[in-house]
Amino acid sequence: MEREIIMELLQAVIMIATLLITRYAIPYLVSRIGSERLQQAAMLAQQAVLYAEQVYSPDYASGQERKDVVVELLGKLLREHGINVSEYELDMLIEAAVKTMNAAKEAKQPETETIEED
């Protein structure tokens, strides 16, 4: 029962975070770097986050170490594509990609409820 409540709260937090990113971060970035470049930057951010997730296992690298790798890689990719963003905008792109990845993981995980017999 407690696990169900925790899972429901976790889903609510993910939904709220996604809503906030969609409501505030995306429009800000569109106004700042343009819609087409934002789509390209978001795609590059997702690739960088997935790269770090695959190459740097949580067992061997902390979250901050993986984020540092993503910041370096994404910064390089964005420069190569001629997309200039601030550190704050870079962080927003990374956080949005991580939230998207985590939401996708949550959606794919089957619920493991056990049926209790009386």
C-alpha atoms as a PDB file:
ATOM      1  CA  MET A   1       0.000   0.000   0.000  1.00  0.00           C
ATOM      2  CA  GLU A   2       2.805   2.422   0.893  1.00  0.00           C
ATOM      3  CA  ARG A   3       4.626   1.542  -2.312  1.00  0.00           C
ATOM      4  CA  GLU A   4       1.532   2.412  -4.359  1.00  0.00           C
ATOM      5  CA  ILE A   5       1.306   5.802  -2.672  1.00  0.00           C
ATOM      6  CA  ILE A   6       4.995   6.474  -3.295  1.00  0.00           C
ATOM      7  CA  MET A   7       4.632   5.485  -6.959  1.00  0.00           C
ATOM      8  CA  GLU A   8       1.606   7.762  -7.364  1.00  0.00           C
ATOM      9  CA  LEU A   9       3.506  10.654  -5.774  1.00  0.00           C
ATOM     10  CA  LEU A  10       6.515   9.987  -8.016  1.00  0.00           C
ATOM     11  CA  GLN A  11       4.300  10.017 -11.099  1.00  0.00           C
ATOM     12  CA  ALA A  12       2.718  13.280  -9.970  1.00  0.00           C
ATOM     13  CA  VAL A  13       6.139  14.868  -9.447  1.00  0.00           C
ATOM     14  CA  ILE A  14       7.259  13.758 -12.917  1.00  0.00           C
ATOM     15  CA  MET A  15       4.097  15.147 -14.476  1.00  0.00           C
ATOM     16  CA  ILE A  16       4.479  18.473 -12.662  1.00  0.00           C
ATOM     17  CA  ALA A  17       8.143  18.752 -13.658  1.00  0.00           C
ATOM     18  CA  THR A  18       7.261  17.982 -17.277  1.00  0.00           C
ATOM     19  CA  LEU A  19       4.467  20.554 -17.157  1.00  0.00           C
ATOM     20  CA  LEU A  20       6.764  23.234 -15.761  1.00  0.00           C
ATOM     21  CA  ILE A  21       9.447  22.521 -18.337  1.00  0.00           C
ATOM     22  CA  THR A  22       6.863  22.602 -21.118  1.00  0.00           C
ATOM     23  CA  ARG A  23       5.192  25.748 -19.791  1.00  0.00           C
ATOM     24  CA  TYR A  24       8.238  27.883 -18.998  1.00  0.00           C
ATOM     25  CA  ALA A  25      11.511  26.474 -20.302  1.00  0.00           C
ATOM     26  CA  ILE A  26      10.457  25.594 -23.835  1.00  0.00           C
ATOM     27  CA  PRO A  27       8.872  28.978 -24.702  1.00  0.00           C
ATOM     28  CA  TYR A  28      11.895  30.767 -23.251  1.00  0.00           C
ATOM     29  CA  LEU A  29      14.292  28.709 -25.327  1.00  0.00           C
ATOM     30  CA  VAL A  30      12.171  29.132 -28.483  1.00  0.00           C
ATOM     31  CA  SER A  31      12.276  32.892 -28.083  1.00  0.00           C
ATOM     32  CA  ARG A  32      15.991  32.764 -27.405  1.00  0.00           C
ATOM     33  CA  ILE A  33      17.331  30.412 -30.078  1.00  0.00           C
ATOM     34  CA  GLY A  34      14.441  29.760 -32.475  1.00  0.00           C
ATOM     35  CA  SER A  35      12.129  26.825 -32.983  1.00  0.00           C
ATOM     36  CA  GLU A  36      14.205  24.877 -35.510  1.00  0.00           C
ATOM     37  CA  ARG A  37      17.430  25.275 -33.576  1.00  0.00           C
ATOM     38  CA  LEU A  38      15.627  24.386 -30.341  1.00  0.00           C
ATOM     39  CA  GLN A  39      14.434  21.106 -31.855  1.00  0.00           C
ATOM     40  CA  GLN A  40      17.960  20.369 -32.993  1.00  0.00           C
ATOM     41  CA  ALA A  41      19.391  21.311 -29.570  1.00  0.00           C
ATOM     42  CA  ALA A  42      16.791  19.162 -27.773  1.00  0.00           C
ATOM     43  CA  MET A  43      17.626  16.191 -30.000  1.00  0.00           C
ATOM     44  CA  LEU A  44      21.342  16.647 -29.311  1.00  0.00           C
ATOM     45  CA  ALA A  45      20.629  16.934 -25.570  1.00  0.00           C
ATOM     46  CA  GLN A  46      18.671  13.682 -25.601  1.00  0.00           C
ATOM     47  CA  GLN A  47      21.485  11.944 -27.446  1.00  0.00           C
ATOM     48  CA  ALA A  48      24.077  13.246 -24.979  1.00  0.00           C
ATOM     49  CA  VAL A  49      21.974  12.170 -21.992  1.00  0.00           C
ATOM     50  CA  LEU A  50      21.399   8.705 -23.456  1.00  0.00           C
ATOM     51  CA  TYR A  51      25.117   8.426 -24.189  1.00  0.00           C
ATOM     52  CA  ALA A  52      26.007   9.207 -20.575  1.00  0.00           C
ATOM     53  CA  GLU A  53      23.326   6.816 -19.323  1.00  0.00           C
ATOM     54  CA  GLN A  54      24.713   3.965 -21.446  1.00  0.00           C
ATOM     55  CA  VAL A  55      28.440   4.586 -21.021  1.00  0.00           C
ATOM     56  CA  TYR A  56      28.579   5.773 -17.410  1.00  0.00           C
ATOM     57  CA  SER A  57      26.641   3.355 -15.246  1.00  0.00           C
ATOM     58  CA  PRO A  58      25.185   4.735 -11.991  1.00  0.00           C
ATOM     59  CA  ASP A  59      27.217   2.026 -10.240  1.00  0.00           C
ATOM     60  CA  TYR A  60      30.489   3.585 -11.393  1.00  0.00           C
ATOM     61  CA  ALA A  61      29.737   7.288 -11.896  1.00  0.00           C
ATOM     62  CA  SER A  62      27.740   9.670  -9.740  1.00  0.00           C
ATOM     63  CA  GLY A  63      24.918  11.744 -11.155  1.00  0.00           C
ATOM     64  CA  GLN A  64      27.126  14.828 -11.092  1.00  0.00           C
ATOM     65  CA  GLU A  65      29.923  13.034 -12.947  1.00  0.00           C
ATOM     66  CA  ARG A  66      27.480  11.931 -15.638  1.00  0.00           C
ATOM     67  CA  LYS A  67      26.046  15.442 -15.863  1.00  0.00           C
ATOM     68  CA  ASP A  68      29.547  16.867 -16.290  1.00  0.00           C
ATOM     69  CA  VAL A  69      30.091  14.488 -19.206  1.00  0.00           C
ATOM     70  CA  VAL A  70      26.777  15.561 -20.756  1.00  0.00           C
ATOM     71  CA  VAL A  71      27.571  19.269 -20.293  1.00  0.00           C
ATOM     72  CA  GLU A  72      30.931  18.854 -22.021  1.00  0.00           C
ATOM     73  CA  LEU A  73      29.582  16.669 -24.839  1.00  0.00           C
ATOM     74  CA  LEU A  74      26.447  18.735 -25.450  1.00  0.00           C
ATOM     75  CA  GLY A  75      28.400  21.998 -25.396  1.00  0.00           C
ATOM     76  CA  LYS A  76      30.723  20.593 -28.050  1.00  0.00           C
ATOM     77  CA  LEU A  77      27.841  19.299 -30.194  1.00  0.00           C
ATOM     78  CA  LEU A  78      25.956  22.594 -29.993  1.00  0.00           C
ATOM     79  CA  ARG A  79      29.054  24.585 -30.981  1.00  0.00           C
ATOM     80  CA  GLU A  80      29.620  22.258 -33.931  1.00  0.00           C
ATOM     81  CA  HIS A  81      26.056  22.955 -35.077  1.00  0.00           C
ATOM     82  CA  GLY A  82      26.428  26.711 -34.572  1.00  0.00           C
ATOM     83  CA  ILE A  83      23.957  26.882 -31.687  1.00  0.00           C
ATOM     84  CA  ASN A  84      25.036  29.279 -28.959  1.00  0.00           C
ATOM     85  CA  VAL A  85      23.400  28.899 -25.558  1.00  0.00           C
ATOM     86  CA  SER A  86      24.218  30.111 -22.067  1.00  0.00           C
ATOM     87  CA  GLU A  87      25.113  27.754 -19.220  1.00  0.00           C
ATOM     88  CA  TYR A  88      21.594  28.223 -17.844  1.00  0.00           C
ATOM     89  CA  GLU A  89      20.030  27.283 -21.186  1.00  0.00           C
ATOM     90  CA  LEU A  90      22.378  24.327 -21.515  1.00  0.00           C
ATOM     91  CA  ASP A  91      21.265  23.153 -18.066  1.00  0.00           C
ATOM     92  CA  MET A  92      17.595  23.530 -19.050  1.00  0.00           C
ATOM     93  CA  LEU A  93      18.136  21.419 -22.173  1.00  0.00           C
ATOM     94  CA  ILE A  94      19.847  18.708 -20.146  1.00  0.00           C
ATOM     95  CA  GLU A  95      17.206  18.680 -17.408  1.00  0.00           C
ATOM     96  CA  ALA A  96      14.429  18.457 -20.003  1.00  0.00           C
ATOM     97  CA  ALA A  97      16.190  15.528 -21.700  1.00  0.00           C
ATOM     98  CA  VAL A  98      16.686  13.734 -18.377  1.00  0.00           C
ATOM     99  CA  LYS A  99      13.029  14.243 -17.404  1.00  0.00           C
ATOM    100  CA  THR A 100      11.913  12.940 -20.796  1.00  0.00           C
ATOM    101  CA  MET A 101      14.175   9.900 -20.489  1.00  0.00           C
ATOM    102  CA  ASN A 102      12.986   9.152 -16.946  1.00  0.00           C
ATOM    103  CA  ALA A 103       9.324   9.568 -17.917  1.00  0.00           C
ATOM    104  CA  ALA A 104       9.843   7.140 -20.799  1.00  0.00           C
ATOM    105  CA  LYS A 105      11.451   4.633 -18.423  1.00  0.00           C
ATOM    106  CA  GLU A 106       8.542   4.974 -15.995  1.00  0.00           C
ATOM    107  CA  ALA A 107       6.020   4.422 -18.776  1.00  0.00           C
ATOM    108  CA  LYS A 108       7.791   1.256 -19.933  1.00  0.00           C
ATOM    109  CA  GLN A 109       8.053  -0.355 -16.483  1.00  0.00           C
ATOM    110  CA  PRO A 110       5.168  -2.724 -15.850  1.00  0.00           C
ATOM    111  CA  GLU A 111       3.486  -2.355 -12.518  1.00  0.00           C
ATOM    112  CA  THR A 112       4.442  -5.229 -10.275  1.00  0.00           C
ATOM    113  CA  GLU A 113       1.487  -5.526  -7.984  1.00  0.00           C
ATOM    114  CA  THR A 114       0.916  -8.691  -6.101  1.00  0.00           C
ATOM    115  CA  ILE A 115      -2.549 -10.009  -5.556  1.00  0.00           C
ATOM    116  CA  GLU A 116      -3.160 -10.908  -1.972  1.00  0.00           C
ATOM    117  CA  GLU A 117      -5.503 -13.751  -1.248  1.00  0.00           C
ATOM    118  CA  ASP A 118      -7.675 -13.697   1.841  1.00  0.00           C
END
